[in-house]
């Protein structure tokens, strides 16, 4: 059987598609690595938030409502049933 060879145009297409495929795999890998690097940072932020939340609860009460834009602290609204406060 004689050796066969791809036409130049076919070889070029295969090489281009292979290169695109490899680039896509690298991009996915970079994204996953970035995710693994970001998760611990998110965990740390959540822990800091939890600690601050505990401090604010001690200072302003468990049900205080804080406006994150202005810093205003309000008491929770009393639920209204049948149009009358109970």
C-alpha atoms as a PDB file:
ATOM      1  CA  UNK A   1       0.000   0.000   0.000  1.00  0.00           C
ATOM      2  CA  UNK A   2       1.377   3.369  -0.979  1.00  0.00           C
ATOM      3  CA  UNK A   3       1.792   6.110   1.580  1.00  0.00           C
ATOM      4  CA  UNK A   4      -0.906   8.717   1.354  1.00  0.00           C
ATOM      5  CA  UNK A   5      -0.609  12.317   2.363  1.00  0.00           C
ATOM      6  CA  UNK A   6      -3.138  15.013   3.175  1.00  0.00           C
ATOM      7  CA  UNK A   7      -3.494  17.819   0.715  1.00  0.00           C
ATOM      8  CA  UNK A   8      -1.894  21.049   1.938  1.00  0.00           C
ATOM      9  CA  UNK A   9      -5.314  22.623   2.466  1.00  0.00           C
ATOM     10  CA  UNK A  10      -6.539  19.613   4.498  1.00  0.00           C
ATOM     11  CA  UNK A  11      -3.400  19.585   6.647  1.00  0.00           C
ATOM     12  CA  UNK A  12      -3.718  23.311   7.299  1.00  0.00           C
ATOM     13  CA  UNK A  13      -7.372  22.910   8.401  1.00  0.00           C
ATOM     14  CA  UNK A  14      -6.547  20.000  10.701  1.00  0.00           C
ATOM     15  CA  UNK A  15      -3.627  21.892  12.258  1.00  0.00           C
ATOM     16  CA  UNK A  16      -5.746  25.041  12.758  1.00  0.00           C
ATOM     17  CA  UNK A  17      -8.585  23.100  14.392  1.00  0.00           C
ATOM     18  CA  UNK A  18      -6.150  21.211  16.592  1.00  0.00           C
ATOM     19  CA  UNK A  19      -4.559  24.509  17.687  1.00  0.00           C
ATOM     20  CA  UNK A  20      -7.996  26.004  18.476  1.00  0.00           C
ATOM     21  CA  UNK A  21      -8.891  22.891  20.458  1.00  0.00           C
ATOM     22  CA  UNK A  22      -5.659  23.075  22.480  1.00  0.00           C
ATOM     23  CA  UNK A  23      -6.196  26.796  23.152  1.00  0.00           C
ATOM     24  CA  UNK A  24      -9.742  26.092  24.368  1.00  0.00           C
ATOM     25  CA  UNK A  25      -8.462  23.368  26.711  1.00  0.00           C
ATOM     26  CA  UNK A  26      -5.851  25.744  28.125  1.00  0.00           C
ATOM     27  CA  UNK A  27      -8.508  28.410  28.639  1.00  0.00           C
ATOM     28  CA  UNK A  28     -10.693  25.916  30.527  1.00  0.00           C
ATOM     29  CA  UNK A  29      -7.730  24.864  32.665  1.00  0.00           C
ATOM     30  CA  UNK A  30      -6.878  28.499  33.445  1.00  0.00           C
ATOM     31  CA  UNK A  31     -10.498  29.113  34.442  1.00  0.00           C
ATOM     32  CA  UNK A  32     -10.532  26.096  36.774  1.00  0.00           C
ATOM     33  CA  UNK A  33      -7.233  27.134  38.343  1.00  0.00           C
ATOM     34  CA  UNK A  34      -8.600  30.647  38.841  1.00  0.00           C
ATOM     35  CA  UNK A  35     -11.690  29.171  40.475  1.00  0.00           C
ATOM     36  CA  UNK A  36      -9.603  27.118  42.902  1.00  0.00           C
ATOM     37  CA  UNK A  37      -7.561  30.218  43.746  1.00  0.00           C
ATOM     38  CA  UNK A  38     -10.686  32.334  44.276  1.00  0.00           C
ATOM     39  CA  UNK A  39     -12.649  29.946  46.516  1.00  0.00           C
ATOM     40  CA  UNK A  40     -10.346  30.381  49.554  1.00  0.00           C
ATOM     41  CA  UNK A  41     -10.565  34.170  49.151  1.00  0.00           C
ATOM     42  CA  UNK A  42     -14.369  33.965  49.148  1.00  0.00           C
ATOM     43  CA  UNK A  43     -14.261  31.731  52.225  1.00  0.00           C
ATOM     44  CA  UNK A  44     -12.058  34.261  54.026  1.00  0.00           C
ATOM     45  CA  UNK A  45     -14.408  37.125  53.121  1.00  0.00           C
ATOM     46  CA  UNK A  46     -17.406  35.138  54.375  1.00  0.00           C
ATOM     47  CA  UNK A  47     -15.605  34.463  57.656  1.00  0.00           C
ATOM     48  CA  UNK A  48     -14.780  38.169  58.057  1.00  0.00           C
ATOM     49  CA  UNK A  49     -18.387  39.050  57.252  1.00  0.00           C
ATOM     50  CA  UNK A  50     -19.630  36.568  59.860  1.00  0.00           C
ATOM     51  CA  UNK A  51     -17.309  38.015  62.513  1.00  0.00           C
ATOM     52  CA  UNK A  52     -18.443  41.565  61.730  1.00  0.00           C
ATOM     53  CA  UNK A  53     -22.075  40.470  61.721  1.00  0.00           C
ATOM     54  CA  UNK A  54     -21.636  39.076  65.262  1.00  0.00           C
ATOM     55  CA  UNK A  55     -20.135  42.388  66.412  1.00  0.00           C
ATOM     56  CA  UNK A  56     -22.976  44.374  64.834  1.00  0.00           C
ATOM     57  CA  UNK A  57     -25.586  42.111  66.421  1.00  0.00           C
ATOM     58  CA  UNK A  58     -24.035  42.772  69.848  1.00  0.00           C
ATOM     59  CA  UNK A  59     -24.050  46.520  69.184  1.00  0.00           C
ATOM     60  CA  UNK A  60     -27.389  47.027  67.423  1.00  0.00           C
ATOM     61  CA  UNK A  61     -29.470  43.922  68.125  1.00  0.00           C
ATOM     62  CA  UNK A  62     -30.161  40.721  66.247  1.00  0.00           C
ATOM     63  CA  UNK A  63     -32.990  42.029  64.094  1.00  0.00           C
ATOM     64  CA  UNK A  64     -31.636  45.498  63.309  1.00  0.00           C
ATOM     65  CA  UNK A  65     -31.915  46.535  59.678  1.00  0.00           C
ATOM     66  CA  UNK A  66     -28.805  48.214  58.268  1.00  0.00           C
ATOM     67  CA  UNK A  67     -28.884  50.273  55.074  1.00  0.00           C
ATOM     68  CA  UNK A  68     -25.589  49.335  53.401  1.00  0.00           C
ATOM     69  CA  UNK A  69     -25.589  52.521  51.315  1.00  0.00           C
ATOM     70  CA  UNK A  70     -25.975  54.991  54.180  1.00  0.00           C
ATOM     71  CA  UNK A  71     -25.083  53.026  57.315  1.00  0.00           C
ATOM     72  CA  UNK A  72     -28.434  53.920  58.868  1.00  0.00           C
ATOM     73  CA  UNK A  73     -29.593  51.377  61.438  1.00  0.00           C
ATOM     74  CA  UNK A  74     -33.327  50.878  61.948  1.00  0.00           C
ATOM     75  CA  UNK A  75     -35.308  48.747  64.311  1.00  0.00           C
ATOM     76  CA  UNK A  76     -37.170  45.966  62.556  1.00  0.00           C
ATOM     77  CA  UNK A  77     -40.665  46.802  61.451  1.00  0.00           C
ATOM     78  CA  UNK A  78     -43.430  45.336  63.567  1.00  0.00           C
ATOM     79  CA  UNK A  79     -45.497  42.909  61.492  1.00  0.00           C
ATOM     80  CA  UNK A  80     -49.019  44.099  60.831  1.00  0.00           C
ATOM     81  CA  UNK A  81     -51.892  41.600  60.946  1.00  0.00           C
ATOM     82  CA  UNK A  82     -55.408  42.498  59.872  1.00  0.00           C
ATOM     83  CA  UNK A  83     -54.408  46.164  59.795  1.00  0.00           C
ATOM     84  CA  UNK A  84     -53.618  46.299  63.516  1.00  0.00           C
ATOM     85  CA  UNK A  85     -50.373  45.888  65.433  1.00  0.00           C
ATOM     86  CA  UNK A  86     -50.493  43.052  67.925  1.00  0.00           C
END
